[in-house]
Amino acid sequence: MKILFLHGWKSIPGSIKATYLKDAGHTVINPALDDDDFEKAIRTAQAEYDERKPDVIVGSSRGGAVAMNIESDATPIVLLCPAWKKWGIVRSLKPDSIVLHSRSDDVIPFADSEELVARSGLPPETLIEIGNDHRLADEGSLAVLLWACRMVASHEHLPSLEEDAPSRAGFSRNGKATMRGEVTYVCDACGEEIVIPLDVTEGSSQEYIEDCPVCCRGNVIHVAIGEDGDARVWAEADQDYK
């Protein structure tokens, strides 16, 4: 997959998020955008888009505003805490868009993304709440970013967020996953529900041992991610504790 990554204000090419996508095996086009001249930043991004024809555009913060303001035809977009109210003139999103934002963001209000999705006439599931700050550079957020790029590149429809619908990442008898980049499993020894990061880059079938933070006993964690994106998570004791 070829990704045009547009960084935020006062950021630089080669950021954690761009590097994460590159390390996942994708071609990442990551131009330096002018911090002082927004129109110049748009021209730089437009030139890269026209020349490289990416499969997905990712825009972070101010880079999200840049992504919204270039001519990108039907190329899908993933926006990270987009600063659309501060820069540019475009005030709506294309249908093939996903917005990732932290409700704890103290730079760009989460409500800005709620407003953007609503005024674009897109379903609420277009906006995914992840992370604990504006940067979205934690492992869970990075995993969701990668998932979002794959989702829009495949032009799949986002699952509904209706109350009775399954979670986006699916669930199983012993555990469940959410698109906040976390999964839960039930410790086989003490029965406590434990939250752990979900790293989709580790493959569709994962198995590893982790000590329960409550009882300190080891669990063999199993993660199975289907082709439809559903994940099943369960745990087994790594030894007999009886």
C-alpha atoms as a PDB file:
ATOM      1  CA  MET A   1       0.000   0.000   0.000  1.00  0.00           C
ATOM      2  CA  LYS A   2       1.258   3.482  -0.874  1.00  0.00           C
ATOM      3  CA  ILE A   3       0.483   6.079   1.796  1.00  0.00           C
ATOM      4  CA  LEU A   4       0.863   9.853   1.579  1.00  0.00           C
ATOM      5  CA  PHE A   5       1.511  10.929   5.183  1.00  0.00           C
ATOM      6  CA  LEU A   6       1.053  14.646   5.906  1.00  0.00           C
ATOM      7  CA  HIS A   7       2.592  15.638   9.225  1.00  0.00           C
ATOM      8  CA  GLY A   8       1.337  18.199  11.718  1.00  0.00           C
ATOM      9  CA  TRP A   9       2.480  21.699  12.567  1.00  0.00           C
ATOM     10  CA  LYS A  10       6.054  21.847  13.921  1.00  0.00           C
ATOM     11  CA  SER A  11       6.452  18.162  13.169  1.00  0.00           C
ATOM     12  CA  ILE A  12       8.916  16.682  10.674  1.00  0.00           C
ATOM     13  CA  PRO A  13       9.072  13.793   8.220  1.00  0.00           C
ATOM     14  CA  GLY A  14       9.985  10.479   9.794  1.00  0.00           C
ATOM     15  CA  SER A  15       7.682  10.816  12.803  1.00  0.00           C
ATOM     16  CA  ILE A  16       6.653   7.846  14.939  1.00  0.00           C
ATOM     17  CA  LYS A  17       3.383   7.399  13.058  1.00  0.00           C
ATOM     18  CA  ALA A  18       4.928   7.576   9.573  1.00  0.00           C
ATOM     19  CA  THR A  19       7.731   5.243  10.632  1.00  0.00           C
ATOM     20  CA  TYR A  20       5.228   2.786  12.101  1.00  0.00           C
ATOM     21  CA  LEU A  21       3.387   2.562   8.780  1.00  0.00           C
ATOM     22  CA  LYS A  22       6.680   2.138   6.930  1.00  0.00           C
ATOM     23  CA  ASP A  23       7.856  -0.586   9.298  1.00  0.00           C
ATOM     24  CA  ALA A  24       4.578  -2.399   8.647  1.00  0.00           C
ATOM     25  CA  GLY A  25       5.736  -2.866   5.063  1.00  0.00           C
ATOM     26  CA  HIS A  26       4.044   0.035   3.308  1.00  0.00           C
ATOM     27  CA  THR A  27       5.492   2.720   1.047  1.00  0.00           C
ATOM     28  CA  VAL A  28       5.191   6.007   2.943  1.00  0.00           C
ATOM     29  CA  ILE A  29       5.483   9.335   1.124  1.00  0.00           C
ATOM     30  CA  ASN A  30       6.275  11.853   3.859  1.00  0.00           C
ATOM     31  CA  PRO A  31       7.054  15.330   2.486  1.00  0.00           C
ATOM     32  CA  ALA A  32       8.187  18.251   4.630  1.00  0.00           C
ATOM     33  CA  LEU A  33       5.319  20.756   4.856  1.00  0.00           C
ATOM     34  CA  ASP A  34       5.927  24.454   5.426  1.00  0.00           C
ATOM     35  CA  ASP A  35       4.875  25.416   8.968  1.00  0.00           C
ATOM     36  CA  ASP A  36       4.290  29.099   8.224  1.00  0.00           C
ATOM     37  CA  ASP A  37       2.671  29.117   4.777  1.00  0.00           C
ATOM     38  CA  PHE A  38      -0.416  26.910   4.627  1.00  0.00           C
ATOM     39  CA  GLU A  39      -0.901  27.429   0.889  1.00  0.00           C
ATOM     40  CA  LYS A  40       2.690  26.356   0.276  1.00  0.00           C
ATOM     41  CA  ALA A  41       2.062  23.237   2.372  1.00  0.00           C
ATOM     42  CA  ILE A  42      -0.947  22.463   0.197  1.00  0.00           C
ATOM     43  CA  ARG A  43       1.097  22.887  -2.977  1.00  0.00           C
ATOM     44  CA  THR A  44       3.783  20.533  -1.650  1.00  0.00           C
ATOM     45  CA  ALA A  45       1.214  17.889  -0.723  1.00  0.00           C
ATOM     46  CA  GLN A  46      -0.612  18.307  -4.026  1.00  0.00           C
ATOM     47  CA  ALA A  47       2.599  17.824  -6.019  1.00  0.00           C
ATOM     48  CA  GLU A  48       3.394  14.619  -4.123  1.00  0.00           C
ATOM     49  CA  TYR A  49      -0.140  13.354  -4.626  1.00  0.00           C
ATOM     50  CA  ASP A  50      -0.146  14.108  -8.346  1.00  0.00           C
ATOM     51  CA  GLU A  51       3.221  12.450  -8.880  1.00  0.00           C
ATOM     52  CA  ARG A  52       2.934   9.413  -6.613  1.00  0.00           C
ATOM     53  CA  LYS A  53      -0.814   8.576  -6.751  1.00  0.00           C
ATOM     54  CA  PRO A  54      -1.099   7.103  -3.245  1.00  0.00           C
ATOM     55  CA  ASP A  55      -3.680   4.531  -2.209  1.00  0.00           C
ATOM     56  CA  VAL A  56      -4.420   6.339   1.067  1.00  0.00           C
ATOM     57  CA  ILE A  57      -3.813   9.829   2.464  1.00  0.00           C
ATOM     58  CA  VAL A  58      -3.103  10.208   6.176  1.00  0.00           C
ATOM     59  CA  GLY A  59      -3.221  13.686   7.680  1.00  0.00           C
ATOM     60  CA  SER A  60      -2.184  14.435  11.265  1.00  0.00           C
ATOM     61  CA  SER A  61      -3.525  17.579  12.984  1.00  0.00           C
ATOM     62  CA  ARG A  62      -2.611  20.482  10.627  1.00  0.00           C
ATOM     63  CA  GLY A  63      -1.683  17.818   8.077  1.00  0.00           C
ATOM     64  CA  GLY A  64      -5.298  16.692   8.315  1.00  0.00           C
ATOM     65  CA  ALA A  65      -6.402  20.137   7.175  1.00  0.00           C
ATOM     66  CA  VAL A  66      -3.875  19.926   4.336  1.00  0.00           C
ATOM     67  CA  ALA A  67      -5.271  16.513   3.350  1.00  0.00           C
ATOM     68  CA  MET A  68      -8.794  17.919   3.239  1.00  0.00           C
ATOM     69  CA  ASN A  69      -7.763  20.865   1.054  1.00  0.00           C
ATOM     70  CA  ILE A  70      -5.849  19.087  -1.749  1.00  0.00           C
ATOM     71  CA  GLU A  71      -7.507  17.695  -4.864  1.00  0.00           C
ATOM     72  CA  SER A  72      -7.409  13.967  -4.194  1.00  0.00           C
ATOM     73  CA  ASP A  73     -10.248  12.581  -6.326  1.00  0.00           C
ATOM     74  CA  ALA A  74     -11.624   9.385  -4.755  1.00  0.00           C
ATOM     75  CA  THR A  75      -8.493   8.544  -2.743  1.00  0.00           C
ATOM     76  CA  PRO A  76      -9.594   7.644   0.802  1.00  0.00           C
ATOM     77  CA  ILE A  77      -8.405   9.678   3.776  1.00  0.00           C
ATOM     78  CA  VAL A  78      -7.530   8.874   7.388  1.00  0.00           C
ATOM     79  CA  LEU A  79      -7.379  11.943   9.625  1.00  0.00           C
ATOM     80  CA  LEU A  80      -5.742  12.126  13.043  1.00  0.00           C
ATOM     81  CA  CYS A  81      -7.148  14.871  15.293  1.00  0.00           C
ATOM     82  CA  PRO A  82      -7.657  17.109  12.223  1.00  0.00           C
ATOM     83  CA  ALA A  83      -7.235  20.866  12.704  1.00  0.00           C
ATOM     84  CA  TRP A  84      -9.792  21.714  10.032  1.00  0.00           C
ATOM     85  CA  LYS A  85     -11.175  24.711  11.949  1.00  0.00           C
ATOM     86  CA  LYS A  86      -7.764  26.378  12.170  1.00  0.00           C
ATOM     87  CA  TRP A  87      -6.551  25.983   8.592  1.00  0.00           C
ATOM     88  CA  GLY A  88      -8.034  25.754   5.120  1.00  0.00           C
ATOM     89  CA  ILE A  89     -11.459  26.339   3.686  1.00  0.00           C
ATOM     90  CA  VAL A  90     -12.822  22.802   3.258  1.00  0.00           C
ATOM     91  CA  ARG A  91     -15.416  21.953   5.882  1.00  0.00           C
ATOM     92  CA  SER A  92     -16.547  18.447   4.965  1.00  0.00           C
ATOM     93  CA  LEU A  93     -15.155  14.971   4.331  1.00  0.00           C
ATOM     94  CA  LYS A  94     -15.343  12.553   1.443  1.00  0.00           C
ATOM     95  CA  PRO A  95     -17.327   9.324   1.965  1.00  0.00           C
ATOM     96  CA  ASP A  96     -14.183   7.146   2.172  1.00  0.00           C
ATOM     97  CA  SER A  97     -12.840   8.772   5.319  1.00  0.00           C
ATOM     98  CA  ILE A  98     -11.995   7.734   8.863  1.00  0.00           C
ATOM     99  CA  VAL A  99     -11.253  10.152  11.691  1.00  0.00           C
ATOM    100  CA  LEU A 100      -9.213   9.077  14.713  1.00  0.00           C
ATOM    101  CA  HIS A 101      -9.274  11.361  17.737  1.00  0.00           C
ATOM    102  CA  SER A 102      -8.686  11.256  21.487  1.00  0.00           C
ATOM    103  CA  ARG A 103     -11.363  12.633  23.751  1.00  0.00           C
ATOM    104  CA  SER A 104      -8.487  13.761  26.008  1.00  0.00           C
ATOM    105  CA  ASP A 105      -6.897  15.855  23.242  1.00  0.00           C
ATOM    106  CA  ASP A 106      -5.996  19.242  24.736  1.00  0.00           C
ATOM    107  CA  VAL A 107      -4.917  20.773  21.403  1.00  0.00           C
ATOM    108  CA  ILE A 108      -7.799  20.045  19.020  1.00  0.00           C
ATOM    109  CA  PRO A 109     -11.165  19.468  20.753  1.00  0.00           C
ATOM    110  CA  PHE A 110     -12.762  16.073  20.188  1.00  0.00           C
ATOM    111  CA  ALA A 111     -15.992  17.973  19.526  1.00  0.00           C
ATOM    112  CA  ASP A 112     -14.411  19.436  16.367  1.00  0.00           C
ATOM    113  CA  SER A 113     -14.223  15.967  14.839  1.00  0.00           C
ATOM    114  CA  GLU A 114     -17.775  15.178  15.946  1.00  0.00           C
ATOM    115  CA  GLU A 115     -18.917  18.342  14.186  1.00  0.00           C
ATOM    116  CA  LEU A 116     -16.879  17.541  11.064  1.00  0.00           C
ATOM    117  CA  VAL A 117     -18.397  14.078  10.718  1.00  0.00           C
ATOM    118  CA  ALA A 118     -21.920  15.367  11.346  1.00  0.00           C
ATOM    119  CA  ARG A 119     -21.720  18.236   8.854  1.00  0.00           C
ATOM    120  CA  SER A 120     -20.271  15.841   6.251  1.00  0.00           C
ATOM    121  CA  GLY A 121     -23.368  13.653   6.519  1.00  0.00           C
ATOM    122  CA  LEU A 122     -21.255  10.626   7.412  1.00  0.00           C
ATOM    123  CA  PRO A 123     -22.256   7.928   9.923  1.00  0.00           C
ATOM    124  CA  PRO A 124     -21.036   8.314  13.536  1.00  0.00           C
ATOM    125  CA  GLU A 125     -18.742   5.294  13.178  1.00  0.00           C
ATOM    126  CA  THR A 126     -16.589   7.407  10.845  1.00  0.00           C
ATOM    127  CA  LEU A 127     -15.123   8.909  14.052  1.00  0.00           C
ATOM    128  CA  ILE A 128     -13.154   6.472  16.214  1.00  0.00           C
ATOM    129  CA  GLU A 129     -12.129   7.500  19.714  1.00  0.00           C
ATOM    130  CA  ILE A 130      -8.600   6.321  20.522  1.00  0.00           C
ATOM    131  CA  GLY A 131      -5.546   7.332  22.540  1.00  0.00           C
ATOM    132  CA  ASN A 132      -4.957   9.570  25.519  1.00  0.00           C
ATOM    133  CA  ASP A 133      -3.556  12.746  23.965  1.00  0.00           C
ATOM    134  CA  HIS A 134      -3.152  14.734  20.763  1.00  0.00           C
ATOM    135  CA  ARG A 135      -0.136  12.805  19.454  1.00  0.00           C
ATOM    136  CA  LEU A 136      -1.823   9.377  19.097  1.00  0.00           C
ATOM    137  CA  ALA A 137       1.642   7.815  19.203  1.00  0.00           C
ATOM    138  CA  ASP A 138       0.945   5.030  21.713  1.00  0.00           C
ATOM    139  CA  GLU A 139       0.987   1.405  20.547  1.00  0.00           C
ATOM    140  CA  GLY A 140      -2.782   1.042  20.619  1.00  0.00           C
ATOM    141  CA  SER A 141      -3.385   4.160  18.529  1.00  0.00           C
ATOM    142  CA  LEU A 142      -0.718   3.150  16.029  1.00  0.00           C
ATOM    143  CA  ALA A 143      -2.340  -0.255  15.590  1.00  0.00           C
ATOM    144  CA  VAL A 144      -5.717   1.375  14.922  1.00  0.00           C
ATOM    145  CA  LEU A 145      -4.096   3.783  12.446  1.00  0.00           C
ATOM    146  CA  LEU A 146      -2.720   0.835  10.490  1.00  0.00           C
ATOM    147  CA  TRP A 147      -6.101  -0.891  10.600  1.00  0.00           C
ATOM    148  CA  ALA A 148      -7.845   2.280   9.395  1.00  0.00           C
ATOM    149  CA  CYS A 149      -5.482   2.598   6.414  1.00  0.00           C
ATOM    150  CA  ARG A 150      -6.152  -0.984   5.425  1.00  0.00           C
ATOM    151  CA  MET A 151      -9.887  -0.521   5.883  1.00  0.00           C
ATOM    152  CA  VAL A 152     -10.237   2.555   3.663  1.00  0.00           C
ATOM    153  CA  ALA A 153      -7.809   1.180   1.054  1.00  0.00           C
ATOM    154  CA  SER A 154     -10.033  -1.874   0.677  1.00  0.00           C
ATOM    155  CA  HIS A 155     -13.117   0.390   0.431  1.00  0.00           C
ATOM    156  CA  GLU A 156     -14.897  -1.713   3.045  1.00  0.00           C
ATOM    157  CA  HIS A 157     -17.823  -0.282   4.934  1.00  0.00           C
ATOM    158  CA  LEU A 158     -17.280   0.471   8.599  1.00  0.00           C
ATOM    159  CA  PRO A 159     -19.410  -1.709  10.898  1.00  0.00           C
ATOM    160  CA  SER A 160     -22.403  -0.011  12.460  1.00  0.00           C
ATOM    161  CA  LEU A 161     -22.099   1.355  15.975  1.00  0.00           C
ATOM    162  CA  GLU A 162     -25.703   0.528  16.850  1.00  0.00           C
ATOM    163  CA  GLU A 163     -26.076  -0.577  20.429  1.00  0.00           C
ATOM    164  CA  ASP A 164     -26.906  -4.172  19.533  1.00  0.00           C
ATOM    165  CA  ALA A 165     -24.198  -4.503  16.885  1.00  0.00           C
ATOM    166  CA  PRO A 166     -20.986  -6.466  17.500  1.00  0.00           C
ATOM    167  CA  SER A 167     -17.900  -4.443  18.370  1.00  0.00           C
ATOM    168  CA  ARG A 168     -15.750  -3.496  15.392  1.00  0.00           C
ATOM    169  CA  ALA A 169     -12.969  -5.817  16.373  1.00  0.00           C
ATOM    170  CA  GLY A 170     -15.337  -8.593  17.410  1.00  0.00           C
ATOM    171  CA  PHE A 171     -15.488 -10.568  20.640  1.00  0.00           C
ATOM    172  CA  SER A 172     -15.280 -14.085  22.014  1.00  0.00           C
ATOM    173  CA  ARG A 173     -16.438 -16.016  25.045  1.00  0.00           C
ATOM    174  CA  ASN A 174     -13.261 -15.245  26.998  1.00  0.00           C
ATOM    175  CA  GLY A 175     -12.317 -11.829  25.673  1.00  0.00           C
ATOM    176  CA  LYS A 176     -13.251  -8.925  23.514  1.00  0.00           C
ATOM    177  CA  ALA A 177     -11.492  -6.327  21.405  1.00  0.00           C
ATOM    178  CA  THR A 178     -12.187  -2.704  20.601  1.00  0.00           C
ATOM    179  CA  MET A 179     -10.845  -0.429  17.884  1.00  0.00           C
ATOM    180  CA  ARG A 180      -9.182   1.676  20.564  1.00  0.00           C
ATOM    181  CA  GLY A 181      -6.282  -0.710  20.012  1.00  0.00           C
ATOM    182  CA  GLU A 182      -6.943  -2.725  23.155  1.00  0.00           C
ATOM    183  CA  VAL A 183      -8.292  -6.184  23.931  1.00  0.00           C
ATOM    184  CA  THR A 184      -9.453  -7.806  27.126  1.00  0.00           C
ATOM    185  CA  TYR A 185      -9.072 -11.368  28.276  1.00  0.00           C
ATOM    186  CA  VAL A 186     -10.207 -13.204  31.387  1.00  0.00           C
ATOM    187  CA  CYS A 187      -7.334 -14.569  33.479  1.00  0.00           C
ATOM    188  CA  ASP A 188      -7.671 -18.352  33.601  1.00  0.00           C
ATOM    189  CA  ALA A 189      -6.301 -18.407  37.163  1.00  0.00           C
ATOM    190  CA  CYS A 190      -8.133 -15.628  39.042  1.00  0.00           C
ATOM    191  CA  GLY A 191     -10.999 -14.740  36.698  1.00  0.00           C
ATOM    192  CA  GLU A 192     -10.164 -11.036  36.464  1.00  0.00           C
ATOM    193  CA  GLU A 193     -10.707  -9.191  33.165  1.00  0.00           C
ATOM    194  CA  ILE A 194      -7.365  -7.815  31.963  1.00  0.00           C
ATOM    195  CA  VAL A 195      -6.822  -5.096  29.321  1.00  0.00           C
ATOM    196  CA  ILE A 196      -3.841  -5.446  26.952  1.00  0.00           C
ATOM    197  CA  PRO A 197      -2.805  -3.693  23.702  1.00  0.00           C
ATOM    198  CA  LEU A 198      -3.904  -5.165  20.376  1.00  0.00           C
ATOM    199  CA  ASP A 199      -1.091  -5.079  17.819  1.00  0.00           C
ATOM    200  CA  VAL A 200      -2.549  -6.070  14.451  1.00  0.00           C
ATOM    201  CA  THR A 201       0.904  -5.844  12.873  1.00  0.00           C
ATOM    202  CA  GLU A 202       1.908  -9.073  14.642  1.00  0.00           C
ATOM    203  CA  GLY A 203      -0.277 -11.052  12.269  1.00  0.00           C
ATOM    204  CA  SER A 204      -3.704 -12.666  12.211  1.00  0.00           C
ATOM    205  CA  SER A 205      -2.730 -15.516  14.543  1.00  0.00           C
ATOM    206  CA  GLN A 206      -0.860 -14.601  17.728  1.00  0.00           C
ATOM    207  CA  GLU A 207       0.142 -16.572  20.824  1.00  0.00           C
ATOM    208  CA  TYR A 208       2.287 -15.388  23.714  1.00  0.00           C
ATOM    209  CA  ILE A 209       2.635 -15.716  27.498  1.00  0.00           C
ATOM    210  CA  GLU A 210       1.814 -12.815  29.806  1.00  0.00           C
ATOM    211  CA  ASP A 211       1.662 -12.658  33.599  1.00  0.00           C
ATOM    212  CA  CYS A 212      -1.647 -11.504  35.018  1.00  0.00           C
ATOM    213  CA  PRO A 213      -1.125  -8.107  36.727  1.00  0.00           C
ATOM    214  CA  VAL A 214      -3.624  -9.122  39.435  1.00  0.00           C
ATOM    215  CA  CYS A 215      -2.511 -12.622  40.513  1.00  0.00           C
ATOM    216  CA  CYS A 216       0.896 -12.705  38.740  1.00  0.00           C
ATOM    217  CA  ARG A 217       0.172 -16.120  37.228  1.00  0.00           C
ATOM    218  CA  GLY A 218       1.024 -16.759  33.612  1.00  0.00           C
ATOM    219  CA  ASN A 219      -1.540 -16.943  30.808  1.00  0.00           C
ATOM    220  CA  VAL A 220      -1.102 -18.094  27.239  1.00  0.00           C
ATOM    221  CA  ILE A 221      -2.828 -15.329  25.277  1.00  0.00           C
ATOM    222  CA  HIS A 222      -4.392 -16.297  21.944  1.00  0.00           C
ATOM    223  CA  VAL A 223      -5.440 -13.705  19.357  1.00  0.00           C
ATOM    224  CA  ALA A 224      -7.110 -14.689  16.091  1.00  0.00           C
ATOM    225  CA  ILE A 225      -8.021 -11.966  13.578  1.00  0.00           C
ATOM    226  CA  GLY A 226     -10.273 -13.034  10.718  1.00  0.00           C
ATOM    227  CA  GLU A 227     -10.262 -11.725   7.153  1.00  0.00           C
ATOM    228  CA  ASP A 228     -13.311  -9.615   8.012  1.00  0.00           C
ATOM    229  CA  GLY A 229     -11.355  -7.859  10.761  1.00  0.00           C
ATOM    230  CA  ASP A 230     -13.111  -9.628  13.644  1.00  0.00           C
ATOM    231  CA  ALA A 231     -10.764 -10.608  16.469  1.00  0.00           C
ATOM    232  CA  ARG A 232     -11.192 -13.425  18.995  1.00  0.00           C
ATOM    233  CA  VAL A 233      -9.132 -13.264  22.176  1.00  0.00           C
ATOM    234  CA  TRP A 234      -8.850 -15.878  24.905  1.00  0.00           C
ATOM    235  CA  ALA A 235      -6.459 -17.021  27.616  1.00  0.00           C
ATOM    236  CA  GLU A 236      -5.289 -20.355  29.009  1.00  0.00           C
ATOM    237  CA  ALA A 237      -3.149 -20.965  32.086  1.00  0.00           C
ATOM    238  CA  ASP A 238       0.436 -21.743  31.072  1.00  0.00           C
ATOM    239  CA  GLN A 239       0.614 -24.323  33.896  1.00  0.00           C
ATOM    240  CA  ASP A 240      -1.654 -26.148  36.317  1.00  0.00           C
ATOM    241  CA  TYR A 241      -2.156 -23.917  39.370  1.00  0.00           C
ATOM    242  CA  LYS A 242      -4.437 -26.304  41.237  1.00  0.00           C
END
